[in-house]
Amino acid sequence: MARPRQIDQALVAQAQKVVAAATDVRQLRAAQAVLLPALFQASLEQTASLLGVGRATVARLQARFRAQSTQPQPPSAWGGRRRALLSVAEEKEFISRWQAKAHAGELVVLSTMREDLEAKLGRKVAPEVFYRLVRRHRWRKVAPDTRHPKSDPVVQEEWKKKRSQRSWQPP
């Protein structure tokens, strides 16, 4: 024989408040799962058919509503940086050390940056993880110029004029 249903009037009052101010379908359904059996003496099967869910789901909705009413939680606990190596502030601090060198005109090599990060964390970091970190802080690859900084266009033109026809032949 099933145990008798315990109806907490404070929980019913809380459910009525939630139904009146619900902004989310999940909140509304959970509150209705509590209200229908309490106010209309509906069984779990009847409540399930009214809500359009299964019998077991009604029990889960009631349990979730009880848990949320005892200790309020944020609307959605999902999302965020669950597997982050560093916090956002730590990432900014790490990048800022290298950013000073980049602004000074020094060549910043990502492989050495990654080695520094691995030393800081004390473990290996996959290249793609590191590249995402760099991209997240809006760093991009800056390719070197197509000409050598010490090249002299005048000397190059002179050489083109003086060279013999046999010095270079196309294949």
C-alpha atoms as a PDB file:
ATOM      1  CA  MET A   1       0.000   0.000   0.000  1.00  0.00           C
ATOM      2  CA  ALA A   2       1.297   3.454  -0.911  1.00  0.00           C
ATOM      3  CA  ARG A   3       2.105   5.885   1.839  1.00  0.00           C
ATOM      4  CA  PRO A   4      -0.288   8.792   2.269  1.00  0.00           C
ATOM      5  CA  ARG A   5       0.549  12.009   0.482  1.00  0.00           C
ATOM      6  CA  GLN A   6       2.024  14.796   2.594  1.00  0.00           C
ATOM      7  CA  ILE A   7       0.827  18.234   1.462  1.00  0.00           C
ATOM      8  CA  ASP A   8       2.839  21.132   2.827  1.00  0.00           C
ATOM      9  CA  GLN A   9       0.727  24.299   2.783  1.00  0.00           C
ATOM     10  CA  ALA A  10       3.809  26.530   2.657  1.00  0.00           C
ATOM     11  CA  LEU A  11       4.933  24.656  -0.451  1.00  0.00           C
ATOM     12  CA  VAL A  12       1.473  25.102  -2.012  1.00  0.00           C
ATOM     13  CA  ALA A  13       1.605  28.849  -1.293  1.00  0.00           C
ATOM     14  CA  GLN A  14       5.075  29.023  -2.845  1.00  0.00           C
ATOM     15  CA  ALA A  15       3.815  27.118  -5.918  1.00  0.00           C
ATOM     16  CA  GLN A  16       0.915  29.560  -6.326  1.00  0.00           C
ATOM     17  CA  LYS A  17       3.361  32.480  -6.290  1.00  0.00           C
ATOM     18  CA  VAL A  18       5.541  30.782  -8.882  1.00  0.00           C
ATOM     19  CA  VAL A  19       2.560  30.069 -11.166  1.00  0.00           C
ATOM     20  CA  ALA A  20       1.516  33.721 -10.987  1.00  0.00           C
ATOM     21  CA  ALA A  21       4.975  35.038 -11.849  1.00  0.00           C
ATOM     22  CA  ALA A  22       6.479  32.210 -13.940  1.00  0.00           C
ATOM     23  CA  THR A  23       8.667  33.268 -16.834  1.00  0.00           C
ATOM     24  CA  ASP A  24       9.877  29.801 -17.736  1.00  0.00           C
ATOM     25  CA  VAL A  25       7.896  26.739 -18.805  1.00  0.00           C
ATOM     26  CA  ARG A  26       9.964  24.516 -16.505  1.00  0.00           C
ATOM     27  CA  GLN A  27       9.104  26.643 -13.474  1.00  0.00           C
ATOM     28  CA  LEU A  28       5.424  26.618 -14.422  1.00  0.00           C
ATOM     29  CA  ARG A  29       5.259  22.846 -14.910  1.00  0.00           C
ATOM     30  CA  ALA A  30       7.069  22.137 -11.646  1.00  0.00           C
ATOM     31  CA  ALA A  31       4.678  24.417  -9.741  1.00  0.00           C
ATOM     32  CA  GLN A  32       1.659  22.841 -11.464  1.00  0.00           C
ATOM     33  CA  ALA A  33       2.958  19.383 -10.571  1.00  0.00           C
ATOM     34  CA  VAL A  34       2.703  20.443  -6.923  1.00  0.00           C
ATOM     35  CA  LEU A  35      -0.578  22.379  -7.177  1.00  0.00           C
ATOM     36  CA  LEU A  36      -2.752  19.902  -9.088  1.00  0.00           C
ATOM     37  CA  PRO A  37      -2.454  17.054  -6.563  1.00  0.00           C
ATOM     38  CA  ALA A  38      -2.676  19.450  -3.600  1.00  0.00           C
ATOM     39  CA  LEU A  39      -5.680  21.518  -4.692  1.00  0.00           C
ATOM     40  CA  PHE A  40      -7.656  19.035  -6.814  1.00  0.00           C
ATOM     41  CA  GLN A  41      -6.568  15.737  -5.183  1.00  0.00           C
ATOM     42  CA  ALA A  42      -5.331  14.524  -8.571  1.00  0.00           C
ATOM     43  CA  SER A  43      -3.273  11.343  -8.678  1.00  0.00           C
ATOM     44  CA  LEU A  44       0.156  11.243 -10.283  1.00  0.00           C
ATOM     45  CA  GLU A  45      -1.360   9.671 -13.418  1.00  0.00           C
ATOM     46  CA  GLN A  46      -4.026  12.357 -13.687  1.00  0.00           C
ATOM     47  CA  THR A  47      -1.478  15.117 -13.106  1.00  0.00           C
ATOM     48  CA  ALA A  48       0.780  13.562 -15.727  1.00  0.00           C
ATOM     49  CA  SER A  49      -1.989  13.487 -18.330  1.00  0.00           C
ATOM     50  CA  LEU A  50      -2.954  17.117 -17.558  1.00  0.00           C
ATOM     51  CA  LEU A  51       0.645  18.307 -17.878  1.00  0.00           C
ATOM     52  CA  GLY A  52       1.402  16.119 -20.881  1.00  0.00           C
ATOM     53  CA  VAL A  53       4.297  14.290 -19.258  1.00  0.00           C
ATOM     54  CA  GLY A  54       4.913  10.832 -17.822  1.00  0.00           C
ATOM     55  CA  ARG A  55       4.035   9.724 -14.291  1.00  0.00           C
ATOM     56  CA  ALA A  56       7.685   9.530 -13.233  1.00  0.00           C
ATOM     57  CA  THR A  57       8.268  13.036 -14.575  1.00  0.00           C
ATOM     58  CA  VAL A  58       5.587  14.420 -12.251  1.00  0.00           C
ATOM     59  CA  ALA A  59       7.431  12.988  -9.248  1.00  0.00           C
ATOM     60  CA  ARG A  60      10.708  14.465 -10.534  1.00  0.00           C
ATOM     61  CA  LEU A  61       9.073  17.858 -11.095  1.00  0.00           C
ATOM     62  CA  GLN A  62       7.689  17.828  -7.552  1.00  0.00           C
ATOM     63  CA  ALA A  63      11.072  16.876  -6.104  1.00  0.00           C
ATOM     64  CA  ARG A  64      12.818  19.596  -8.114  1.00  0.00           C
ATOM     65  CA  PHE A  65      10.290  22.184  -6.948  1.00  0.00           C
ATOM     66  CA  ARG A  66      10.744  21.142  -3.304  1.00  0.00           C
ATOM     67  CA  ALA A  67      14.520  21.376  -3.637  1.00  0.00           C
ATOM     68  CA  GLN A  68      14.354  24.807  -5.276  1.00  0.00           C
ATOM     69  CA  SER A  69      11.925  26.180  -2.730  1.00  0.00           C
ATOM     70  CA  THR A  70      14.154  25.179   0.200  1.00  0.00           C
ATOM     71  CA  GLN A  71      17.340  26.657  -1.302  1.00  0.00           C
ATOM     72  CA  PRO A  72      16.983  29.021  -4.250  1.00  0.00           C
ATOM     73  CA  GLN A  73      19.344  28.389  -7.164  1.00  0.00           C
ATOM     74  CA  PRO A  74      20.203  30.415 -10.223  1.00  0.00           C
ATOM     75  CA  PRO A  75      17.775  29.905 -13.131  1.00  0.00           C
ATOM     76  CA  SER A  76      20.241  27.827 -15.108  1.00  0.00           C
ATOM     77  CA  ALA A  77      23.294  26.152 -13.656  1.00  0.00           C
ATOM     78  CA  TRP A  78      24.568  25.082 -17.093  1.00  0.00           C
ATOM     79  CA  GLY A  79      27.140  26.987 -19.070  1.00  0.00           C
ATOM     80  CA  GLY A  80      30.316  28.756 -18.224  1.00  0.00           C
ATOM     81  CA  ARG A  81      33.947  27.719 -18.265  1.00  0.00           C
ATOM     82  CA  ARG A  82      33.795  24.320 -16.581  1.00  0.00           C
ATOM     83  CA  ARG A  83      37.092  23.008 -17.934  1.00  0.00           C
ATOM     84  CA  ALA A  84      39.094  26.219 -18.092  1.00  0.00           C
ATOM     85  CA  LEU A  85      42.802  26.025 -17.359  1.00  0.00           C
ATOM     86  CA  LEU A  86      42.893  29.564 -15.952  1.00  0.00           C
ATOM     87  CA  SER A  87      40.295  32.088 -14.919  1.00  0.00           C
ATOM     88  CA  VAL A  88      39.672  35.028 -17.250  1.00  0.00           C
ATOM     89  CA  ALA A  89      41.665  37.344 -14.971  1.00  0.00           C
ATOM     90  CA  GLU A  90      44.595  34.898 -14.881  1.00  0.00           C
ATOM     91  CA  GLU A  91      44.510  34.602 -18.681  1.00  0.00           C
ATOM     92  CA  LYS A  92      44.608  38.397 -19.042  1.00  0.00           C
ATOM     93  CA  GLU A  93      47.551  38.598 -16.648  1.00  0.00           C
ATOM     94  CA  PHE A  94      49.407  35.872 -18.573  1.00  0.00           C
ATOM     95  CA  ILE A  95      48.768  37.545 -21.946  1.00  0.00           C
ATOM     96  CA  SER A  96      49.678  41.016 -20.643  1.00  0.00           C
ATOM     97  CA  ARG A  97      53.266  39.903 -19.921  1.00  0.00           C
ATOM     98  CA  TRP A  98      53.690  38.965 -23.573  1.00  0.00           C
ATOM     99  CA  GLN A  99      51.686  41.900 -24.848  1.00  0.00           C
ATOM    100  CA  ALA A 100      54.275  44.325 -23.490  1.00  0.00           C
ATOM    101  CA  LYS A 101      56.943  42.610 -25.599  1.00  0.00           C
ATOM    102  CA  ALA A 102      54.718  42.670 -28.683  1.00  0.00           C
ATOM    103  CA  HIS A 103      54.002  46.388 -28.288  1.00  0.00           C
ATOM    104  CA  ALA A 104      57.741  47.037 -27.941  1.00  0.00           C
ATOM    105  CA  GLY A 105      58.194  45.529 -31.400  1.00  0.00           C
ATOM    106  CA  GLU A 106      59.772  42.268 -30.284  1.00  0.00           C
ATOM    107  CA  LEU A 107      58.963  39.062 -32.084  1.00  0.00           C
ATOM    108  CA  VAL A 108      56.610  36.950 -29.954  1.00  0.00           C
ATOM    109  CA  VAL A 109      56.714  33.255 -30.795  1.00  0.00           C
ATOM    110  CA  LEU A 110      53.658  31.281 -29.763  1.00  0.00           C
ATOM    111  CA  SER A 111      55.584  28.096 -29.090  1.00  0.00           C
ATOM    112  CA  THR A 112      57.597  29.836 -26.356  1.00  0.00           C
ATOM    113  CA  MET A 113      54.392  31.343 -24.996  1.00  0.00           C
ATOM    114  CA  ARG A 114      52.878  27.868 -24.833  1.00  0.00           C
ATOM    115  CA  GLU A 115      55.945  26.506 -23.037  1.00  0.00           C
ATOM    116  CA  ASP A 116      55.634  29.328 -20.512  1.00  0.00           C
ATOM    117  CA  LEU A 117      51.966  28.460 -19.983  1.00  0.00           C
ATOM    118  CA  GLU A 118      52.830  24.787 -19.515  1.00  0.00           C
ATOM    119  CA  ALA A 119      55.452  25.750 -16.929  1.00  0.00           C
ATOM    120  CA  LYS A 120      52.911  27.919 -15.115  1.00  0.00           C
ATOM    121  CA  LEU A 121      50.286  25.148 -15.082  1.00  0.00           C
ATOM    122  CA  GLY A 122      52.730  22.319 -14.434  1.00  0.00           C
ATOM    123  CA  ARG A 123      51.305  20.128 -17.190  1.00  0.00           C
ATOM    124  CA  LYS A 124      51.169  19.793 -20.973  1.00  0.00           C
ATOM    125  CA  VAL A 125      48.743  21.956 -22.939  1.00  0.00           C
ATOM    126  CA  ALA A 126      47.446  20.884 -26.338  1.00  0.00           C
ATOM    127  CA  PRO A 127      48.294  23.322 -29.131  1.00  0.00           C
ATOM    128  CA  GLU A 128      44.639  23.902 -30.052  1.00  0.00           C
ATOM    129  CA  VAL A 129      43.762  24.744 -26.447  1.00  0.00           C
ATOM    130  CA  PHE A 130      46.526  27.318 -26.397  1.00  0.00           C
ATOM    131  CA  TYR A 131      45.519  28.777 -29.780  1.00  0.00           C
ATOM    132  CA  ARG A 132      41.944  29.198 -28.533  1.00  0.00           C
ATOM    133  CA  LEU A 133      43.271  31.057 -25.485  1.00  0.00           C
ATOM    134  CA  VAL A 134      45.248  33.393 -27.740  1.00  0.00           C
ATOM    135  CA  ARG A 135      42.261  33.907 -30.058  1.00  0.00           C
ATOM    136  CA  ARG A 136      39.997  34.589 -27.075  1.00  0.00           C
ATOM    137  CA  HIS A 137      42.171  37.591 -26.246  1.00  0.00           C
ATOM    138  CA  ARG A 138      42.074  38.777 -29.877  1.00  0.00           C
ATOM    139  CA  TRP A 139      45.626  37.961 -30.761  1.00  0.00           C
ATOM    140  CA  ARG A 140      46.280  37.120 -34.369  1.00  0.00           C
ATOM    141  CA  LYS A 141      49.179  36.011 -36.483  1.00  0.00           C
ATOM    142  CA  VAL A 142      51.057  38.912 -37.968  1.00  0.00           C
ATOM    143  CA  ALA A 143      53.120  37.698 -40.899  1.00  0.00           C
ATOM    144  CA  PRO A 144      56.473  39.306 -41.593  1.00  0.00           C
ATOM    145  CA  ASP A 145      56.867  41.644 -44.554  1.00  0.00           C
ATOM    146  CA  THR A 146      57.471  40.164 -47.987  1.00  0.00           C
ATOM    147  CA  ARG A 147      60.759  42.031 -48.361  1.00  0.00           C
ATOM    148  CA  HIS A 148      63.887  41.856 -46.290  1.00  0.00           C
ATOM    149  CA  PRO A 149      64.389  44.933 -44.074  1.00  0.00           C
ATOM    150  CA  LYS A 150      67.975  45.362 -45.325  1.00  0.00           C
ATOM    151  CA  SER A 151      67.121  45.036 -49.011  1.00  0.00           C
ATOM    152  CA  ASP A 152      68.038  47.892 -51.339  1.00  0.00           C
ATOM    153  CA  PRO A 153      65.772  48.334 -54.380  1.00  0.00           C
ATOM    154  CA  VAL A 154      68.410  50.372 -56.273  1.00  0.00           C
ATOM    155  CA  VAL A 155      71.019  47.617 -55.997  1.00  0.00           C
ATOM    156  CA  GLN A 156      68.451  45.012 -57.070  1.00  0.00           C
ATOM    157  CA  GLU A 157      67.541  46.979 -60.208  1.00  0.00           C
ATOM    158  CA  GLU A 158      71.230  47.391 -61.077  1.00  0.00           C
ATOM    159  CA  TRP A 159      71.796  43.677 -60.754  1.00  0.00           C
ATOM    160  CA  LYS A 160      68.824  42.947 -63.054  1.00  0.00           C
ATOM    161  CA  LYS A 161      70.323  45.204 -65.759  1.00  0.00           C
ATOM    162  CA  LYS A 162      73.863  43.826 -65.536  1.00  0.00           C
ATOM    163  CA  ARG A 163      73.163  40.109 -65.339  1.00  0.00           C
ATOM    164  CA  SER A 164      73.816  37.988 -68.373  1.00  0.00           C
ATOM    165  CA  GLN A 165      71.140  36.074 -70.211  1.00  0.00           C
ATOM    166  CA  ARG A 166      72.711  32.761 -69.229  1.00  0.00           C
ATOM    167  CA  SER A 167      72.733  33.472 -65.495  1.00  0.00           C
ATOM    168  CA  TRP A 168      69.111  32.491 -65.200  1.00  0.00           C
ATOM    169  CA  GLN A 169      66.948  30.508 -67.574  1.00  0.00           C
ATOM    170  CA  PRO A 170      63.401  29.366 -66.991  1.00  0.00           C
ATOM    171  CA  PRO A 171      62.863  25.586 -66.861  1.00  0.00           C
END
